[in-house]
Amino acid sequence: MKTTISISATIHAPIEKVWENWTSPKAITKWHTASPDWHTPKAEQDLQPGGKFSYRMEAKDGSFGFDFSGVFDEVKPDKYLEYTLDDDRKIKVNFTIKGNETHIDQSFEAEETNPVEMQRGGWQGILDNFKHYVENLKD
């Protein structure tokens, strides 16, 4: 049985802005990183059930990199995403509108190589970067 990890954030922005930046490959390359010494130089996706996605994540010093990739299982614009990574782990992302804010709840199945707290920290770091990116965009 796989361990499920949950993270969340409240973004001080309307759902349209949140969804657009969560799903735009161009925007993903600007926020999809857990720490300042990493980046995502390339992101591609076909945002529909059965559509594939791939985000290239690399250490900025070139020492390591990997493709974060999989297939979308369910896409409900402005509400919900569910996808399966290439290693068969499931990820669910719920978007809840609260006035002019958007709350994101994300759950994912842990992999077995790294400690759960390390994984939670990395994924929460990415979500926190997303929050910072969206909240600081000029309209």
N, C-alpha and C. Protein backbone atom coordinates (compact mmCIF):
# COMPACT_ATOMS: atom_id res chain seq x y z
N MET A 1 0.84 -1.18 0.00
CA MET A 1 0.00 0.00 0.00
C MET A 1 0.88 1.25 0.00
N LYS A 2 0.54 2.21 -0.87
CA LYS A 2 1.35 3.42 -1.00
C LYS A 2 0.93 4.48 0.03
N THR A 3 1.89 5.24 0.50
CA THR A 3 1.64 6.35 1.40
C THR A 3 1.20 7.55 0.58
N THR A 4 0.12 8.22 1.02
CA THR A 4 -0.35 9.42 0.35
C THR A 4 0.05 10.63 1.18
N ILE A 5 0.62 11.62 0.51
CA ILE A 5 1.06 12.86 1.13
C ILE A 5 0.15 13.98 0.65
N SER A 6 -0.24 14.87 1.56
CA SER A 6 -1.10 16.00 1.19
C SER A 6 -0.39 17.32 1.51
N ILE A 7 -0.56 18.27 0.61
CA ILE A 7 -0.04 19.63 0.79
C ILE A 7 -1.13 20.60 0.37
N SER A 8 -0.99 21.87 0.75
CA SER A 8 -2.00 22.84 0.36
C SER A 8 -1.45 24.26 0.42
N ALA A 9 -2.17 25.16 -0.23
CA ALA A 9 -1.83 26.58 -0.21
C ALA A 9 -3.06 27.38 -0.61
N THR A 10 -3.17 28.58 -0.07
CA THR A 10 -4.20 29.52 -0.51
C THR A 10 -3.51 30.61 -1.31
N ILE A 11 -3.96 30.77 -2.54
CA ILE A 11 -3.38 31.73 -3.46
C ILE A 11 -4.29 32.96 -3.48
N HIS A 12 -3.74 34.12 -3.26
CA HIS A 12 -4.51 35.36 -3.26
C HIS A 12 -4.67 35.84 -4.70
N ALA A 13 -5.48 35.07 -5.45
CA ALA A 13 -5.74 35.37 -6.86
C ALA A 13 -6.99 34.59 -7.28
N PRO A 14 -7.72 35.11 -8.25
CA PRO A 14 -8.92 34.40 -8.72
C PRO A 14 -8.56 33.11 -9.46
N ILE A 15 -9.50 32.20 -9.50
CA ILE A 15 -9.27 30.88 -10.10
C ILE A 15 -8.78 30.96 -11.54
N GLU A 16 -9.28 31.92 -12.31
CA GLU A 16 -8.86 32.01 -13.72
C GLU A 16 -7.35 32.22 -13.84
N LYS A 17 -6.82 33.08 -13.00
CA LYS A 17 -5.37 33.36 -13.01
C LYS A 17 -4.59 32.16 -12.49
N VAL A 18 -5.12 31.53 -11.45
CA VAL A 18 -4.46 30.35 -10.88
C VAL A 18 -4.43 29.22 -11.91
N TRP A 19 -5.57 28.90 -12.49
CA TRP A 19 -5.66 27.80 -13.46
C TRP A 19 -4.75 28.05 -14.66
N GLU A 20 -4.81 29.26 -15.18
CA GLU A 20 -4.00 29.59 -16.36
C GLU A 20 -2.51 29.36 -16.09
N ASN A 21 -2.04 29.79 -14.93
CA ASN A 21 -0.62 29.66 -14.62
C ASN A 21 -0.23 28.26 -14.16
N TRP A 22 -1.17 27.51 -13.62
CA TRP A 22 -0.91 26.12 -13.23
C TRP A 22 -0.78 25.23 -14.47
N THR A 23 -1.50 25.59 -15.54
CA THR A 23 -1.58 24.71 -16.71
C THR A 23 -0.81 25.19 -17.93
N SER A 24 -0.28 26.39 -17.92
CA SER A 24 0.46 26.94 -19.06
C SER A 24 1.91 26.46 -19.03
N PRO A 25 2.36 25.73 -20.07
CA PRO A 25 3.76 25.29 -20.09
C PRO A 25 4.76 26.44 -19.92
N LYS A 26 4.47 27.59 -20.52
CA LYS A 26 5.36 28.74 -20.39
C LYS A 26 5.46 29.18 -18.93
N ALA A 27 4.33 29.24 -18.22
CA ALA A 27 4.34 29.63 -16.81
C ALA A 27 5.01 28.55 -15.96
N ILE A 28 4.76 27.28 -16.26
CA ILE A 28 5.34 26.18 -15.48
C ILE A 28 6.86 26.30 -15.41
N THR A 29 7.49 26.73 -16.50
CA THR A 29 8.95 26.86 -16.51
C THR A 29 9.43 27.97 -15.57
N LYS A 30 8.53 28.82 -15.13
CA LYS A 30 8.91 29.93 -14.25
C LYS A 30 8.74 29.62 -12.77
N TRP A 31 7.89 28.64 -12.41
CA TRP A 31 7.63 28.38 -10.99
C TRP A 31 7.86 26.95 -10.54
N HIS A 32 7.96 25.99 -11.43
CA HIS A 32 8.00 24.58 -11.06
C HIS A 32 9.39 24.15 -10.58
N THR A 33 9.72 24.54 -9.34
CA THR A 33 10.99 24.18 -8.74
C THR A 33 10.83 24.17 -7.22
N ALA A 34 11.55 23.29 -6.57
CA ALA A 34 11.46 23.17 -5.11
C ALA A 34 12.48 24.04 -4.39
N SER A 35 13.54 24.45 -5.10
CA SER A 35 14.58 25.26 -4.45
C SER A 35 15.25 26.14 -5.51
N PRO A 36 15.91 27.21 -5.08
CA PRO A 36 16.52 28.16 -6.02
C PRO A 36 17.65 27.58 -6.87
N ASP A 37 18.24 26.45 -6.46
CA ASP A 37 19.33 25.87 -7.24
C ASP A 37 18.84 24.90 -8.32
N TRP A 38 17.52 24.81 -8.49
CA TRP A 38 16.91 23.99 -9.53
C TRP A 38 16.06 24.87 -10.43
N HIS A 39 15.76 24.35 -11.62
CA HIS A 39 14.83 25.03 -12.52
C HIS A 39 14.16 24.01 -13.43
N THR A 40 13.14 24.48 -14.15
CA THR A 40 12.41 23.67 -15.11
C THR A 40 12.54 24.37 -16.46
N PRO A 41 13.58 24.03 -17.24
CA PRO A 41 13.83 24.74 -18.49
C PRO A 41 12.83 24.42 -19.62
N LYS A 42 12.10 23.31 -19.47
CA LYS A 42 11.19 22.90 -20.55
C LYS A 42 9.96 22.24 -19.97
N ALA A 43 8.79 22.61 -20.48
CA ALA A 43 7.53 21.98 -20.06
C ALA A 43 6.64 21.83 -21.29
N GLU A 44 6.08 20.64 -21.42
CA GLU A 44 5.16 20.34 -22.52
C GLU A 44 3.99 19.57 -21.94
N GLN A 45 2.79 19.83 -22.48
CA GLN A 45 1.65 19.03 -22.03
C GLN A 45 0.48 19.15 -23.00
N ASP A 46 -0.32 18.10 -22.99
CA ASP A 46 -1.57 18.02 -23.73
C ASP A 46 -2.66 17.88 -22.67
N LEU A 47 -3.24 19.00 -22.26
CA LEU A 47 -4.13 19.07 -21.12
C LEU A 47 -5.53 18.54 -21.46
N GLN A 48 -5.63 17.21 -21.47
CA GLN A 48 -6.90 16.52 -21.67
C GLN A 48 -6.73 15.09 -21.17
N PRO A 49 -7.84 14.43 -20.81
CA PRO A 49 -7.71 13.04 -20.36
C PRO A 49 -6.99 12.19 -21.43
N GLY A 50 -5.97 11.47 -20.99
CA GLY A 50 -5.15 10.68 -21.91
C GLY A 50 -3.98 11.46 -22.47
N GLY A 51 -3.97 12.79 -22.27
CA GLY A 51 -2.88 13.63 -22.77
C GLY A 51 -1.64 13.48 -21.90
N LYS A 52 -0.49 13.57 -22.53
CA LYS A 52 0.78 13.41 -21.83
C LYS A 52 1.36 14.76 -21.43
N PHE A 53 2.20 14.73 -20.39
CA PHE A 53 2.94 15.92 -19.99
C PHE A 53 4.36 15.52 -19.64
N SER A 54 5.27 16.48 -19.77
CA SER A 54 6.66 16.27 -19.39
C SER A 54 7.27 17.61 -19.02
N TYR A 55 7.81 17.68 -17.80
CA TYR A 55 8.51 18.87 -17.32
C TYR A 55 9.95 18.44 -17.06
N ARG A 56 10.89 19.09 -17.70
CA ARG A 56 12.31 18.78 -17.49
C ARG A 56 12.81 19.57 -16.28
N MET A 57 13.21 18.86 -15.24
CA MET A 57 13.70 19.49 -14.01
C MET A 57 15.21 19.23 -13.93
N GLU A 58 15.98 20.32 -13.67
CA GLU A 58 17.43 20.19 -13.66
C GLU A 58 18.05 21.06 -12.57
N ALA A 59 19.15 20.58 -12.02
CA ALA A 59 19.97 21.42 -11.14
C ALA A 59 20.58 22.50 -12.03
N LYS A 60 20.61 23.73 -11.55
CA LYS A 60 21.14 24.83 -12.37
C LYS A 60 22.61 24.65 -12.70
N ASP A 61 23.35 23.91 -11.88
CA ASP A 61 24.77 23.68 -12.16
C ASP A 61 24.99 22.53 -13.15
N GLY A 62 23.90 21.93 -13.63
CA GLY A 62 24.01 20.86 -14.62
C GLY A 62 24.38 19.50 -14.06
N SER A 63 24.44 19.36 -12.75
CA SER A 63 24.89 18.11 -12.14
C SER A 63 23.86 16.99 -12.17
N PHE A 64 22.59 17.33 -12.31
CA PHE A 64 21.55 16.30 -12.29
C PHE A 64 20.28 16.85 -12.92
N GLY A 65 19.48 15.96 -13.49
CA GLY A 65 18.20 16.36 -14.07
C GLY A 65 17.34 15.14 -14.31
N PHE A 66 16.04 15.37 -14.45
CA PHE A 66 15.12 14.27 -14.74
C PHE A 66 13.85 14.84 -15.36
N ASP A 67 13.10 13.95 -16.00
CA ASP A 67 11.81 14.33 -16.57
C ASP A 67 10.71 13.94 -15.60
N PHE A 68 9.92 14.92 -15.20
CA PHE A 68 8.73 14.70 -14.38
C PHE A 68 7.61 14.57 -15.40
N SER A 69 7.12 13.34 -15.61
CA SER A 69 6.19 13.13 -16.72
C SER A 69 5.15 12.07 -16.41
N GLY A 70 4.08 12.11 -17.19
CA GLY A 70 3.00 11.17 -17.02
C GLY A 70 1.84 11.48 -17.94
N VAL A 71 0.64 11.06 -17.51
CA VAL A 71 -0.58 11.18 -18.32
C VAL A 71 -1.70 11.76 -17.46
N PHE A 72 -2.45 12.70 -18.03
CA PHE A 72 -3.62 13.23 -17.35
C PHE A 72 -4.75 12.21 -17.38
N ASP A 73 -5.35 11.94 -16.23
CA ASP A 73 -6.48 11.02 -16.14
C ASP A 73 -7.81 11.76 -16.16
N GLU A 74 -7.86 12.91 -15.48
CA GLU A 74 -9.09 13.69 -15.39
C GLU A 74 -8.72 15.17 -15.39
N VAL A 75 -9.47 15.96 -16.18
CA VAL A 75 -9.24 17.40 -16.27
C VAL A 75 -10.59 18.09 -16.19
N LYS A 76 -10.80 18.84 -15.11
CA LYS A 76 -12.01 19.65 -14.95
C LYS A 76 -11.53 21.08 -14.77
N PRO A 77 -11.53 21.89 -15.84
CA PRO A 77 -10.99 23.24 -15.78
C PRO A 77 -11.50 24.03 -14.57
N ASP A 78 -10.57 24.73 -13.92
CA ASP A 78 -10.83 25.57 -12.75
C ASP A 78 -11.28 24.78 -11.52
N LYS A 79 -11.23 23.44 -11.55
CA LYS A 79 -11.72 22.65 -10.43
C LYS A 79 -10.80 21.52 -9.99
N TYR A 80 -10.31 20.71 -10.94
CA TYR A 80 -9.66 19.46 -10.55
C TYR A 80 -8.76 18.92 -11.65
N LEU A 81 -7.63 18.37 -11.23
CA LEU A 81 -6.73 17.62 -12.12
C LEU A 81 -6.34 16.33 -11.42
N GLU A 82 -6.28 15.28 -12.20
CA GLU A 82 -5.77 14.01 -11.70
C GLU A 82 -4.86 13.45 -12.77
N TYR A 83 -3.68 12.99 -12.34
CA TYR A 83 -2.77 12.42 -13.32
C TYR A 83 -1.96 11.29 -12.71
N THR A 84 -1.37 10.50 -13.59
CA THR A 84 -0.55 9.37 -13.19
C THR A 84 0.85 9.60 -13.73
N LEU A 85 1.83 9.55 -12.84
CA LEU A 85 3.22 9.69 -13.26
C LEU A 85 3.69 8.43 -13.97
N ASP A 86 4.79 8.53 -14.68
CA ASP A 86 5.33 7.37 -15.41
C ASP A 86 5.65 6.19 -14.50
N ASP A 87 5.88 6.45 -13.20
CA ASP A 87 6.15 5.35 -12.27
C ASP A 87 4.87 4.84 -11.59
N ASP A 88 3.71 5.19 -12.14
CA ASP A 88 2.37 4.74 -11.70
C ASP A 88 1.87 5.38 -10.40
N ARG A 89 2.52 6.43 -9.93
CA ARG A 89 1.99 7.13 -8.76
C ARG A 89 0.89 8.10 -9.19
N LYS A 90 -0.14 8.23 -8.37
CA LYS A 90 -1.29 9.09 -8.66
C LYS A 90 -1.15 10.42 -7.94
N ILE A 91 -1.57 11.49 -8.63
CA ILE A 91 -1.59 12.83 -8.07
C ILE A 91 -2.98 13.41 -8.31
N LYS A 92 -3.52 14.07 -7.27
CA LYS A 92 -4.82 14.73 -7.37
C LYS A 92 -4.66 16.17 -6.92
N VAL A 93 -5.25 17.10 -7.68
CA VAL A 93 -5.16 18.52 -7.35
C VAL A 93 -6.56 19.11 -7.39
N ASN A 94 -7.03 19.61 -6.24
CA ASN A 94 -8.34 20.26 -6.13
C ASN A 94 -8.14 21.76 -6.02
N PHE A 95 -8.94 22.50 -6.78
CA PHE A 95 -8.93 23.96 -6.73
C PHE A 95 -10.29 24.40 -6.18
N THR A 96 -10.28 25.14 -5.06
CA THR A 96 -11.52 25.59 -4.42
C THR A 96 -11.53 27.11 -4.41
N ILE A 97 -12.59 27.68 -4.93
CA ILE A 97 -12.74 29.13 -4.99
C ILE A 97 -13.26 29.63 -3.64
N LYS A 98 -12.57 30.63 -3.10
CA LYS A 98 -12.99 31.27 -1.85
C LYS A 98 -12.94 32.77 -2.07
N GLY A 99 -14.03 33.33 -2.61
CA GLY A 99 -14.04 34.75 -2.94
C GLY A 99 -13.05 35.03 -4.04
N ASN A 100 -12.10 35.95 -3.78
CA ASN A 100 -11.08 36.28 -4.77
C ASN A 100 -9.78 35.52 -4.49
N GLU A 101 -9.89 34.41 -3.77
CA GLU A 101 -8.75 33.55 -3.48
C GLU A 101 -9.04 32.15 -4.02
N THR A 102 -7.99 31.40 -4.20
CA THR A 102 -8.11 30.02 -4.66
C THR A 102 -7.30 29.13 -3.72
N HIS A 103 -7.96 28.12 -3.18
CA HIS A 103 -7.27 27.17 -2.31
C HIS A 103 -6.93 25.93 -3.13
N ILE A 104 -5.68 25.50 -3.03
CA ILE A 104 -5.21 24.30 -3.73
C ILE A 104 -4.90 23.23 -2.70
N ASP A 105 -5.53 22.07 -2.87
CA ASP A 105 -5.22 20.88 -2.08
C ASP A 105 -4.65 19.86 -3.05
N GLN A 106 -3.46 19.38 -2.76
CA GLN A 106 -2.80 18.43 -3.65
C GLN A 106 -2.41 17.20 -2.84
N SER A 107 -2.70 16.03 -3.38
CA SER A 107 -2.26 14.80 -2.74
C SER A 107 -1.51 13.96 -3.78
N PHE A 108 -0.50 13.26 -3.29
CA PHE A 108 0.30 12.43 -4.19
C PHE A 108 0.79 11.20 -3.45
N GLU A 109 0.97 10.15 -4.20
CA GLU A 109 1.51 8.92 -3.64
C GLU A 109 3.02 9.05 -3.54
N ALA A 110 3.55 8.75 -2.38
CA ALA A 110 4.99 8.86 -2.14
C ALA A 110 5.74 7.79 -2.92
N GLU A 111 6.96 8.16 -3.32
CA GLU A 111 7.84 7.14 -3.90
C GLU A 111 8.61 6.50 -2.75
N GLU A 112 9.29 5.41 -3.02
CA GLU A 112 9.89 4.63 -1.94
C GLU A 112 11.36 4.91 -1.70
N THR A 113 11.97 5.81 -2.48
CA THR A 113 13.40 6.08 -2.35
C THR A 113 13.72 7.09 -1.26
N ASN A 114 12.98 8.18 -1.21
CA ASN A 114 13.26 9.28 -0.29
C ASN A 114 12.28 9.31 0.88
N PRO A 115 12.70 9.85 2.03
CA PRO A 115 11.81 9.93 3.19
C PRO A 115 10.56 10.76 2.88
N VAL A 116 9.44 10.39 3.50
CA VAL A 116 8.16 11.07 3.28
C VAL A 116 8.28 12.56 3.56
N GLU A 117 8.92 12.94 4.66
CA GLU A 117 9.02 14.37 5.00
C GLU A 117 9.83 15.14 3.96
N MET A 118 10.83 14.51 3.38
CA MET A 118 11.62 15.16 2.33
C MET A 118 10.74 15.38 1.09
N GLN A 119 9.95 14.37 0.74
CA GLN A 119 9.05 14.51 -0.40
C GLN A 119 8.00 15.59 -0.15
N ARG A 120 7.41 15.58 1.05
CA ARG A 120 6.42 16.60 1.39
C ARG A 120 7.04 18.00 1.26
N GLY A 121 8.25 18.15 1.79
CA GLY A 121 8.94 19.44 1.73
C GLY A 121 9.21 19.90 0.30
N GLY A 122 9.63 18.99 -0.53
CA GLY A 122 9.91 19.33 -1.93
C GLY A 122 8.66 19.74 -2.68
N TRP A 123 7.60 18.96 -2.54
CA TRP A 123 6.34 19.28 -3.22
C TRP A 123 5.72 20.56 -2.67
N GLN A 124 5.81 20.75 -1.35
CA GLN A 124 5.28 21.98 -0.76
C GLN A 124 6.10 23.17 -1.24
N GLY A 125 7.40 22.99 -1.41
CA GLY A 125 8.26 24.05 -1.94
C GLY A 125 7.84 24.47 -3.33
N ILE A 126 7.50 23.52 -4.17
CA ILE A 126 7.02 23.83 -5.52
C ILE A 126 5.70 24.59 -5.44
N LEU A 127 4.79 24.13 -4.59
CA LEU A 127 3.50 24.80 -4.44
C LEU A 127 3.69 26.22 -3.88
N ASP A 128 4.60 26.38 -2.94
CA ASP A 128 4.88 27.72 -2.40
C ASP A 128 5.47 28.63 -3.48
N ASN A 129 6.32 28.09 -4.35
CA ASN A 129 6.86 28.88 -5.46
C ASN A 129 5.74 29.30 -6.40
N PHE A 130 4.79 28.39 -6.65
CA PHE A 130 3.65 28.73 -7.49
C PHE A 130 2.87 29.90 -6.88
N LYS A 131 2.58 29.80 -5.59
CA LYS A 131 1.85 30.85 -4.87
C LYS A 131 2.57 32.19 -5.04
N HIS A 132 3.86 32.21 -4.77
CA HIS A 132 4.65 33.43 -4.88
C HIS A 132 4.62 33.98 -6.31
N TYR A 133 4.79 33.10 -7.27
CA TYR A 133 4.80 33.51 -8.69
C TYR A 133 3.47 34.16 -9.06
N VAL A 134 2.37 33.50 -8.80
CA VAL A 134 1.06 34.00 -9.20
C VAL A 134 0.71 35.31 -8.48
N GLU A 135 0.97 35.34 -7.18
CA GLU A 135 0.62 36.53 -6.41
C GLU A 135 1.46 37.75 -6.78
N ASN A 136 2.60 37.54 -7.43
CA ASN A 136 3.45 38.66 -7.82
C ASN A 136 3.41 38.99 -9.30
N LEU A 137 2.52 38.33 -10.04
CA LEU A 137 2.35 38.66 -11.47
C LEU A 137 1.65 40.00 -11.59
N LYS A 138 2.07 40.77 -12.55
CA LYS A 138 1.38 42.03 -12.86
C LYS A 138 0.21 41.71 -13.78
N ASP A 139 -0.94 42.27 -13.48
CA ASP A 139 -2.13 42.00 -14.32
C ASP A 139 -2.09 42.76 -15.62
